[in-house]
Protein backbone atom coordinates (compact mmCIF):
# COMPACT_ATOMS: atom_id res chain seq x y z
CA MET A 1 26.64 -133.10 100.75
CA ASN A 2 24.07 -134.90 101.90
CA LYS A 3 22.02 -133.18 99.33
CA ILE A 4 24.49 -134.61 96.48
CA LYS A 5 24.75 -137.94 97.42
CA ALA A 6 20.26 -137.68 98.04
CA ASN A 7 20.25 -136.18 94.64
CA LEU A 8 23.01 -138.80 93.17
CA ILE A 9 20.55 -142.40 95.17
CA TYR A 10 17.46 -140.48 93.20
CA GLN A 11 18.93 -140.20 89.91
CA SER A 12 20.79 -143.14 89.20
CA SER A 13 17.51 -144.52 90.57
CA TYR A 14 15.91 -143.70 88.07
CA GLN A 15 17.92 -143.86 85.39
CA VAL A 16 19.24 -148.22 86.39
CA LEU A 17 15.30 -148.13 85.77
CA LYS A 18 15.57 -146.61 82.53
CA ILE A 19 18.31 -149.32 82.00
CA LEU A 20 16.11 -152.25 83.54
CA MET A 21 13.10 -151.28 81.19
CA PRO A 22 14.56 -151.47 77.61
CA LEU A 23 16.26 -154.92 79.22
CA ILE A 24 12.31 -156.40 79.06
CA THR A 25 10.76 -154.08 76.34
CA VAL A 26 13.20 -153.41 73.30
CA PRO A 27 13.00 -157.66 72.92
CA ILE A 28 9.26 -157.62 72.83
CA VAL A 29 9.32 -154.39 70.62
CA SER A 30 12.15 -155.85 67.97
CA HIS A 31 10.90 -159.45 67.66
CA SER A 32 7.19 -157.64 67.05
CA LEU A 33 8.02 -154.69 64.84
CA GLY A 34 10.71 -155.87 63.11
CA ALA A 35 13.87 -153.65 62.06
CA THR A 36 11.58 -152.31 59.33
CA GLY A 37 8.76 -151.29 62.01
CA VAL A 38 11.29 -149.83 64.56
CA GLY A 39 13.00 -148.05 61.50
CA LYS A 40 9.50 -146.62 60.66
CA TYR A 41 9.37 -145.11 64.39
CA ALA A 42 12.71 -143.59 64.66
CA PHE A 43 12.70 -141.95 61.29
CA ALA A 44 9.39 -140.34 62.10
CA ASN A 45 11.19 -139.49 65.38
CA SER A 46 14.07 -138.05 63.96
CA VAL A 47 11.87 -135.90 62.32
CA ALA A 48 10.31 -134.75 64.71
CA GLN A 49 13.70 -134.15 67.51
CA TYR A 50 14.07 -130.80 65.18
CA PHE A 51 11.20 -129.54 66.29
CA VAL A 52 11.51 -130.36 70.03
CA LEU A 53 14.66 -129.19 69.52
CA ALA A 54 13.61 -125.35 68.29
CA THR A 55 10.89 -125.98 71.13
CA ALA A 56 13.49 -126.19 73.98
CA LEU A 57 15.63 -123.33 72.56
CA GLY A 58 18.01 -124.15 74.69
CA LEU A 59 16.10 -123.58 77.56
CA PRO A 60 17.00 -126.74 79.82
CA LEU A 61 20.46 -126.01 79.99
CA TYR A 62 19.85 -122.26 80.36
CA GLY A 63 16.94 -122.52 82.45
CA THR A 64 18.65 -124.80 85.43
CA ARG A 65 21.68 -122.14 85.42
CA GLU A 66 19.52 -119.11 85.59
CA ILE A 67 17.33 -121.30 88.50
CA ALA A 68 20.35 -122.42 90.25
CA LYS A 69 21.71 -118.72 90.78
CA LEU A 70 18.80 -117.46 92.40
CA GLY A 71 19.11 -119.85 96.06
CA ASN A 72 15.67 -120.28 97.67
CA ASP A 73 14.03 -116.56 97.26
CA LYS A 74 10.43 -117.36 96.20
CA ASN A 75 9.90 -114.09 94.63
CA LEU A 76 13.11 -114.16 92.04
CA LEU A 77 11.90 -117.99 91.73
CA SER A 78 9.05 -116.89 90.84
CA LYS A 79 9.71 -114.61 88.14
CA LYS A 80 12.36 -115.95 86.62
CA PHE A 81 9.84 -118.99 86.02
CA TRP A 82 6.99 -117.22 84.32
CA THR A 83 9.77 -115.50 82.60
CA LEU A 84 11.11 -118.43 81.09
CA GLU A 85 8.09 -120.67 80.38
CA GLY A 86 5.99 -116.81 79.25
CA PHE A 87 8.43 -117.24 75.91
CA SER A 88 8.66 -120.93 75.85
CA ILE A 89 4.98 -121.64 75.57
CA LEU A 90 4.76 -118.87 72.57
CA LEU A 91 7.53 -120.76 71.49
CA THR A 92 6.08 -123.85 71.38
CA GLY A 93 2.80 -122.53 69.30
CA ILE A 94 4.73 -121.00 66.48
CA VAL A 95 6.82 -124.52 66.45
CA LEU A 96 3.33 -126.48 66.16
CA ILE A 97 2.04 -124.63 63.00
CA PHE A 98 5.68 -125.43 60.95
CA TYR A 99 5.27 -128.72 62.06
CA PHE A 100 2.30 -129.81 60.94
CA ILE A 101 2.80 -127.89 57.95
CA ILE A 102 6.07 -129.68 57.21
CA GLY A 103 4.08 -133.02 57.50
CA VAL A 104 1.11 -132.17 55.46
CA THR A 105 3.83 -130.85 52.70
CA PHE A 106 6.09 -134.09 52.32
CA ASN A 107 3.22 -136.34 53.52
CA LEU A 108 4.99 -137.90 56.67
CA GLY A 109 1.61 -140.07 58.27
CA MET A 110 0.07 -140.97 61.22
CA ILE A 111 3.03 -142.05 63.61
CA TYR A 112 4.99 -138.30 62.87
CA PHE A 113 1.71 -136.68 63.87
CA ILE A 114 0.86 -138.03 66.75
CA GLN A 115 4.64 -137.33 67.88
CA SER A 116 3.45 -133.33 67.82
CA LEU A 117 2.57 -133.98 71.32
CA LEU A 118 6.29 -134.34 71.58
CA ILE A 119 6.07 -130.67 70.65
CA ILE A 120 3.56 -129.87 73.32
CA GLY A 121 4.97 -131.66 76.05
CA THR A 122 8.31 -130.11 75.77
CA GLY A 123 6.99 -126.63 76.25
CA LEU A 124 5.36 -127.25 79.22
CA ASP A 125 8.65 -129.04 80.63
CA ILE A 126 9.51 -127.66 84.00
CA SER A 127 12.69 -130.24 84.51
CA TRP A 128 14.48 -127.22 84.62
CA PHE A 129 13.39 -125.56 87.44
CA PHE A 130 13.72 -128.63 89.99
CA MET A 131 17.17 -129.46 88.40
CA GLY A 132 18.01 -125.79 89.08
CA ILE A 133 16.93 -125.74 92.63
CA GLU A 134 18.47 -129.13 93.36
CA ASP A 135 15.18 -131.16 93.84
CA PHE A 136 15.78 -134.25 91.92
CA LYS A 137 13.20 -136.23 93.83
CA LYS A 138 9.89 -135.54 92.69
CA ILE A 139 11.53 -135.67 88.85
CA THR A 140 12.69 -139.40 89.75
CA LEU A 141 9.18 -140.25 91.38
CA VAL A 142 7.37 -139.26 88.48
CA ASN A 143 9.65 -140.91 85.72
CA PHE A 144 9.53 -143.73 87.84
CA LEU A 145 5.63 -143.88 87.78
CA LEU A 146 5.28 -143.19 83.97
CA GLN A 147 8.07 -145.49 83.05
CA VAL A 148 6.57 -148.65 85.02
CA ILE A 149 3.11 -147.88 83.65
CA SER A 150 4.89 -147.65 79.72
CA PHE A 151 6.57 -150.82 80.61
CA LEU A 152 3.64 -152.50 81.53
CA LEU A 153 1.62 -151.07 78.33
CA ILE A 154 4.08 -151.86 76.10
CA VAL A 155 4.41 -155.86 77.86
CA THR A 156 0.42 -156.47 77.25
CA GLN A 157 0.13 -154.15 74.30
CA ILE A 158 2.56 -154.81 71.71
CA HIS A 159 2.03 -158.06 70.00
CA SER A 160 2.67 -157.40 66.07
CA THR A 161 3.79 -155.56 62.77
CA GLN A 162 -0.07 -153.72 63.47
CA ASP A 163 1.06 -152.24 66.80
CA LEU A 164 3.41 -149.76 65.49
CA ILE A 165 0.44 -146.88 65.63
CA LYS A 166 -0.08 -148.11 69.21
CA TYR A 167 3.40 -148.17 70.27
CA THR A 168 3.97 -144.68 69.18
CA ILE A 169 0.94 -143.82 71.38
CA ILE A 170 2.02 -145.65 73.74
CA LEU A 171 6.02 -143.75 74.28
CA THR A 172 4.53 -140.35 72.81
CA MET A 173 1.60 -139.85 75.27
CA MET A 174 4.34 -141.50 78.56
CA SER A 175 6.69 -138.21 77.61
CA PHE A 176 4.14 -136.30 77.44
CA LEU A 177 2.69 -136.96 80.80
CA ASN A 178 6.45 -137.02 82.21
CA GLN A 179 6.84 -133.11 81.63
CA LEU A 180 2.61 -132.49 82.80
CA THR A 181 2.73 -134.14 85.96
CA LEU A 182 5.46 -131.41 87.16
CA TRP A 183 2.90 -128.76 87.36
CA TYR A 184 1.08 -130.03 90.00
CA PHE A 185 4.49 -129.63 92.32
CA VAL A 186 5.81 -126.94 91.17
CA GLN A 187 2.60 -124.67 92.57
CA LYS A 188 3.88 -125.25 96.18
CA LYS A 189 7.11 -123.58 95.01
CA ILE A 190 6.41 -120.36 93.25
CA HIS A 191 3.66 -117.93 92.75
CA PHE A 192 2.18 -116.55 89.29
CA ILE A 193 3.98 -113.32 88.29
CA ARG A 194 3.15 -111.97 85.10
CA PRO A 195 5.79 -111.84 82.92
CA VAL A 196 7.34 -108.87 81.08
CA PHE A 197 7.45 -109.25 77.38
CA ILE A 198 11.38 -107.35 77.70
CA GLU A 199 12.02 -109.17 80.11
CA MET A 200 10.91 -112.65 78.24
CA TRP A 201 12.89 -111.10 74.85
CA HIS A 202 16.19 -110.66 77.03
CA ASP A 203 15.87 -114.29 78.58
CA LEU A 204 14.74 -115.63 74.88
CA LYS A 205 18.24 -114.41 73.08
CA GLU A 206 20.40 -115.62 76.44
CA SER A 207 18.75 -118.66 75.74
CA ILE A 208 19.20 -118.74 71.62
CA VAL A 209 23.01 -118.45 72.67
CA LEU A 210 22.83 -122.32 74.02
CA PHE A 211 20.41 -122.81 71.79
CA ILE A 212 22.53 -122.95 68.64
CA PRO A 213 25.26 -125.02 69.82
CA GLN A 214 22.24 -127.38 69.87
CA VAL A 215 20.99 -127.33 66.33
CA ALA A 216 24.71 -128.42 65.77
CA VAL A 217 24.53 -130.91 68.47
CA ILE A 218 21.39 -132.80 66.94
CA LEU A 219 22.71 -132.35 62.92
CA TYR A 220 25.88 -134.68 64.38
CA THR A 221 23.32 -136.83 66.67
CA ASN A 222 20.50 -137.26 64.82
CA LEU A 223 20.80 -136.45 60.89
CA ASN A 224 22.25 -139.99 60.02
CA LYS A 225 18.63 -141.74 61.12
CA THR A 226 16.93 -139.05 59.18
CA MET A 227 19.45 -139.45 56.04
CA LEU A 228 19.26 -143.72 56.45
CA GLY A 229 15.48 -143.19 56.16
CA SER A 230 15.77 -140.80 53.63
CA LEU A 231 17.69 -142.53 51.74
CA GLY A 232 15.02 -145.30 50.98
CA ASN A 233 16.17 -147.81 53.39
CA ILE A 234 14.37 -147.74 56.61
CA HIS A 235 15.67 -151.27 57.59
CA PHE A 236 19.20 -149.34 57.95
CA VAL A 237 17.38 -146.78 60.38
CA GLY A 238 16.30 -150.21 62.49
CA VAL A 239 19.56 -151.87 62.43
CA PHE A 240 21.13 -148.38 63.42
CA SER A 241 18.72 -146.95 66.33
CA ASN A 242 18.80 -150.54 68.38
CA SER A 243 22.56 -150.01 68.20
CA LEU A 244 22.19 -146.89 69.49
CA LEU A 245 19.80 -147.72 71.74
CA ILE A 246 22.07 -150.00 73.85
CA THR A 247 24.50 -147.18 74.21
CA THR A 248 21.95 -144.50 74.88
CA VAL A 249 21.29 -146.73 77.99
CA CYS A 250 24.67 -147.10 79.26
CA ILE A 251 25.15 -143.42 79.08
CA ALA A 252 22.20 -142.53 80.63
CA LEU A 253 23.55 -144.60 83.63
CA VAL A 254 26.16 -142.43 84.17
CA SER A 255 24.86 -139.00 82.66
CA SER A 256 23.25 -138.83 86.02
CA VAL A 257 25.95 -138.31 88.09
CA ASP A 258 26.66 -134.40 85.25
CA THR A 259 22.62 -133.59 85.46
CA VAL A 260 23.28 -133.84 89.63
CA LEU A 261 26.67 -132.26 90.03
CA MET A 262 25.64 -129.16 87.57
CA PRO A 263 23.42 -126.79 89.99
CA ARG A 264 26.54 -127.43 92.19
CA ALA A 265 29.70 -126.59 89.94
CA THR A 266 27.64 -123.77 89.03
CA ARG A 267 27.16 -122.26 92.98
CA LEU A 268 31.10 -123.24 93.50
CA PHE A 269 32.34 -121.52 90.28
CA SER A 270 29.78 -118.06 90.81
CA GLN A 271 31.55 -117.70 94.52
CA ASN A 272 34.91 -118.27 93.05
CA LYS A 273 35.57 -121.77 94.51
CA TYR A 274 37.71 -122.61 91.39
CA HIS A 275 39.73 -125.41 92.71
CA GLU A 276 36.80 -126.90 94.72
CA GLY A 277 35.31 -127.03 91.42
CA TYR A 278 37.98 -128.55 89.29
CA SER A 279 39.28 -131.12 91.84
CA MET A 280 35.30 -132.33 91.88
CA ILE A 281 35.28 -132.51 88.43
CA GLN A 282 38.60 -134.60 87.95
CA GLN A 283 37.02 -136.64 90.43
CA VAL A 284 34.09 -137.38 88.11
CA MET A 285 35.84 -137.86 85.41
CA ASN A 286 37.72 -140.55 87.01
CA PHE A 287 35.30 -142.26 88.49
CA GLU A 288 32.89 -142.03 84.95
CA VAL A 289 35.85 -143.76 82.74
CA TYR A 290 35.93 -146.47 84.86
CA PHE A 291 32.48 -147.74 84.59
CA THR A 292 32.25 -146.22 80.94
CA VAL A 293 35.71 -148.19 79.64
CA ALA A 294 33.98 -151.46 80.95
CA MET A 295 30.37 -150.85 79.64
CA ALA A 296 32.49 -150.48 76.37
CA ALA A 297 34.25 -153.67 76.19
CA GLY A 298 31.26 -155.28 77.21
CA ILE A 299 29.16 -154.15 74.54
CA ILE A 300 31.99 -155.50 72.12
CA ALA A 301 32.65 -158.70 74.00
CA LEU A 302 28.82 -159.52 74.68
CA SER A 303 27.44 -158.42 70.94
CA ASP A 304 27.32 -161.75 68.96
CA LYS A 305 25.95 -163.79 71.51
CA LEU A 306 23.22 -161.20 72.32
CA ILE A 307 22.03 -160.02 69.30
CA PRO A 308 20.29 -163.27 67.87
CA TRP A 309 18.00 -164.05 70.86
CA PHE A 310 17.59 -160.31 72.08
CA PHE A 311 16.34 -158.50 68.88
CA GLY A 312 15.60 -161.18 66.80
CA SER A 313 16.90 -162.32 63.33
CA SER A 314 15.24 -159.59 60.84
CA PHE A 315 18.19 -157.32 62.50
CA THR A 316 20.95 -158.83 60.24
CA GLY A 317 23.84 -156.76 60.22
CA MET A 318 23.76 -155.32 63.49
CA ASN A 319 26.53 -157.90 65.08
CA ILE A 320 28.95 -155.22 63.18
CA ILE A 321 27.31 -151.98 64.05
CA LEU A 322 26.54 -152.70 67.89
CA PRO A 323 30.59 -153.16 68.69
CA ILE A 324 31.59 -149.58 66.63
CA LEU A 325 28.99 -147.56 68.79
CA GLY A 326 29.66 -149.32 71.75
CA LEU A 327 32.93 -146.80 71.74
CA LEU A 328 30.10 -143.98 72.05
CA VAL A 329 29.71 -145.08 75.74
CA ILE A 330 33.20 -143.97 76.80
CA VAL A 331 33.35 -140.36 75.09
CA ILE A 332 29.97 -139.26 75.47
CA PRO A 333 30.24 -139.23 78.77
CA GLY A 334 33.52 -137.90 78.93
CA GLY A 335 32.87 -134.76 76.61
CA MET A 336 28.99 -134.44 78.44
CA THR A 337 31.44 -134.07 81.81
CA ILE A 338 33.14 -131.67 81.21
CA SER A 339 30.75 -129.42 79.13
CA ARG A 340 27.39 -129.69 82.33
CA GLN A 341 30.46 -129.38 84.93
CA TYR A 342 32.98 -127.02 84.17
CA LEU A 343 32.29 -124.85 80.28
CA ILE A 344 28.48 -124.43 81.09
CA PRO A 345 28.61 -123.13 84.92
CA GLN A 346 31.60 -121.01 84.09
CA ASN A 347 29.50 -119.55 80.91
CA ARG A 348 32.43 -120.47 78.39
CA ILE A 349 29.75 -120.69 75.57
CA LYS A 350 32.23 -119.72 73.14
CA GLU A 351 34.29 -123.37 74.38
CA TYR A 352 31.29 -125.10 74.08
CA ASN A 353 30.33 -124.03 70.42
CA ILE A 354 33.52 -124.47 69.23
CA SER A 355 33.23 -128.22 69.74
CA VAL A 356 29.87 -128.72 68.46
CA TYR A 357 30.23 -126.64 65.66
CA LEU A 358 33.03 -128.57 64.49
CA GLY A 359 31.52 -131.47 65.15
CA ALA A 360 28.32 -130.41 63.15
CA ILE A 361 30.50 -129.58 60.07
CA ILE A 362 32.53 -132.67 60.10
CA SER A 363 29.21 -134.99 60.81
CA ILE A 364 27.58 -133.49 57.83
CA ALA A 365 30.66 -134.02 55.06
CA LEU A 366 31.01 -137.02 56.58
CA ASN A 367 27.50 -138.61 56.73
CA PHE A 368 26.81 -137.30 52.89
CA LEU A 369 30.10 -138.83 51.79
CA LEU A 370 29.95 -142.17 53.81
CA ILE A 371 25.93 -143.13 54.45
CA PRO A 372 25.47 -143.57 50.70
CA ILE A 373 28.38 -146.28 50.23
CA LEU A 374 27.92 -147.95 53.57
CA GLY A 375 24.84 -147.21 55.02
CA ALA A 376 24.36 -148.08 58.83
CA LEU A 377 28.23 -148.74 59.23
CA GLY A 378 29.07 -145.45 57.16
CA ALA A 379 26.50 -143.54 60.12
CA ALA A 380 28.16 -145.65 63.12
CA VAL A 381 31.53 -144.46 61.76
CA VAL A 382 30.86 -140.98 61.86
CA SER A 383 29.31 -141.05 65.04
CA VAL A 384 31.93 -142.24 66.66
CA ALA A 385 34.59 -140.04 65.02
CA VAL A 386 32.59 -136.87 65.85
CA GLU A 387 31.62 -137.95 69.46
CA THR A 388 35.85 -138.60 69.57
CA LEU A 389 36.48 -135.56 68.71
CA ILE A 390 34.42 -133.16 70.37
CA TRP A 391 35.43 -134.81 73.87
CA LEU A 392 39.14 -134.65 72.77
CA ILE A 393 38.58 -130.97 72.08
CA ARG A 394 36.81 -130.43 75.55
CA LEU A 395 39.40 -132.67 77.31
CA TRP A 396 41.96 -130.25 75.81
CA ASP A 397 40.49 -127.03 76.76
CA PHE A 398 39.59 -128.31 80.35
CA TRP A 399 43.51 -129.17 80.73
CA LYS A 400 45.11 -126.18 78.97
CA ASN A 401 43.30 -123.88 81.49
CA THR A 402 43.11 -126.24 85.00
CA GLN A 403 46.17 -128.40 83.94
CA LEU A 404 44.15 -131.01 84.74
CA THR A 405 42.70 -134.00 83.03
CA TYR A 406 42.15 -137.86 83.81
CA SER A 407 44.62 -140.49 85.81
CA GLY A 408 47.37 -141.65 83.28
CA TRP A 409 47.84 -144.33 85.01
CA GLN A 410 44.26 -145.78 85.78
CA PHE A 411 42.86 -144.93 82.13
CA LEU A 412 46.43 -147.10 80.57
CA MET A 413 45.55 -149.80 83.31
CA ASN A 414 41.54 -149.36 82.56
CA CYS A 415 41.64 -149.44 78.76
CA LEU A 416 44.30 -153.07 78.95
CA SER A 417 41.92 -154.90 81.51
CA ALA A 418 38.89 -153.93 79.24
CA VAL A 419 40.67 -155.85 76.46
CA THR A 420 41.83 -158.47 79.00
CA MET A 421 38.00 -158.87 79.61
CA ILE A 422 37.26 -159.01 76.25
CA ILE A 423 39.92 -161.56 75.03
CA VAL A 424 38.76 -163.83 78.35
CA ILE A 425 35.28 -163.32 77.56
CA LYS A 426 35.32 -164.75 73.88
CA LEU A 427 37.73 -167.39 74.24
CA SER A 428 35.72 -168.71 77.30
CA THR A 429 32.20 -169.03 75.22
CA SER A 430 32.94 -169.69 71.59
CA SER A 431 31.10 -172.55 71.79
CA MET A 432 28.02 -171.58 73.84
CA LEU A 433 24.62 -170.89 72.25
CA SER A 434 23.17 -167.43 71.82
CA THR A 435 20.87 -167.73 74.80
CA PRO A 436 20.22 -165.25 77.69
CA PHE A 437 22.06 -167.52 79.81
CA THR A 438 24.90 -167.07 78.06
CA THR A 439 24.48 -163.36 78.09
CA VAL A 440 24.36 -163.08 81.64
CA PHE A 441 27.35 -165.66 81.96
CA GLN A 442 29.88 -163.76 79.67
CA ALA A 443 28.74 -160.05 81.87
CA SER A 444 29.58 -162.22 85.10
CA ILE A 445 33.01 -163.50 83.85
CA GLY A 446 33.73 -160.11 82.27
CA GLY A 447 32.58 -157.74 85.45
CA MET A 448 34.63 -160.30 87.40
CA THR A 449 37.72 -159.90 84.98
CA TYR A 450 37.84 -156.46 84.94
CA ILE A 451 37.16 -155.61 88.69
CA ALA A 452 39.98 -158.01 89.51
CA LEU A 453 42.38 -156.76 86.85
CA THR A 454 41.83 -152.70 87.80
CA THR A 455 41.88 -154.06 91.53
CA VAL A 456 45.48 -155.20 91.49
CA SER A 457 46.56 -152.41 89.22
CA LYS A 458 45.62 -150.22 92.02
CA SER A 459 43.02 -148.18 89.01
CA ASN A 460 39.85 -148.88 90.64
CA PRO A 461 38.45 -145.74 92.48
CA VAL A 462 35.46 -147.19 93.73
CA LEU A 463 38.32 -148.90 96.13
CA SER A 464 39.83 -146.32 96.56
CA LEU A 465 36.94 -144.42 97.58
CA PHE A 466 35.45 -147.07 99.96
CA VAL A 467 39.06 -146.62 101.51
CA LYS A 468 39.16 -143.06 102.16
CA SER A 469 35.47 -143.30 103.57
CA GLU A 470 36.37 -146.04 105.69
CA GLU A 471 39.32 -143.89 106.93
CA GLN A 472 37.37 -141.14 107.95
CA THR A 473 34.56 -142.92 109.67
CA ALA A 474 37.60 -144.60 111.85
CA ARG A 475 39.26 -141.02 112.51
CA LYS A 476 35.48 -139.63 113.50
CA SER A 477 34.95 -142.81 116.27
């Protein structure tokens, strides 16, 4: 348990940094590049992400799971590492060729070609190895350092619409270096073993099983930005991307729990400790939803006063898009927890695939139907609808096989407390100007309202955890 706590601290610290950095860099970038500049970058990146996905080929999930099964045997770890990374490097070269062919054929421009480094970085990404051995310290330290460097470069170098290329280089290089640096640490964990092609081919096929649903995932998470840009309205891409960024930042903090516990869940299920594994998942679900409901309510309540000073006047229409996308903060972590801790560790790939395939089909159909009519609003509605469906499908599967789900009382009271929080914030700050002080004030009174109401209604799992910890300490003494 001490290792889990340490990993949670490392991951949570990094995720907090990822939240704090955009609080400063997003306003700078938004005001400097405007909605159109942000949209150009987001559109090129949305195209590049298809190739990033093809390069990864399910390895982050598959590699983490396979390494987690091997324990501490250095020879076994070395053999599996080079087998997995061997096919990854070969695949990277093939994908790069197609990447440049597409770029030249459709004249996608300099921003697109700079992001070819994302492809190379993905091929060299070995974070799955460190996750598999539950060593999150090195990943966190490298990410932390590069985040700080990226932050300093953006603050000092991005000042106007002319800095779009510079902005692209900064983000792309930091991502590339993040993946490259981990190679320095891995040499102490393994030694070189020449991979055997047959074994590489076997792992390639196994990885593809996880890759196919990832194609579906990117279709319902990334296709909307590509379509918005393809329809010729880069402004829509900028508005939608920045709205999505706020929700993504919140989701990143919550997802640190899943990242840390996935190897532990794999081990519990491989040792047939199903009851212990299921109980852990249920506790995580209740703990997560307490925070995600509050975050979503906060986004809805704060958006009107936040957007003008935080993003700038060019992001018109964002006050409608952001509150809708705020609901993703609840449903995405909910579905992610079940897939990463329940479905994938138990190798229930078929059930995992069903949810993402259905989500992809519905997303494609609704995007083609609604984006031409409603633009960014249509993309937002589709995103929330699809992610909610995926969450409910996975939740039903978990309940059907374990008879466990969220605590009904806690979930209900969390939602009622969140609605009350929104009303309190809106009524108490309706006459205040759009300033940083107003946003801080809104967040403060909202947080206090939510904590007070959930504590009184006995739907605060953090308080329950604290009480249990105090009781255990008292018994030991």
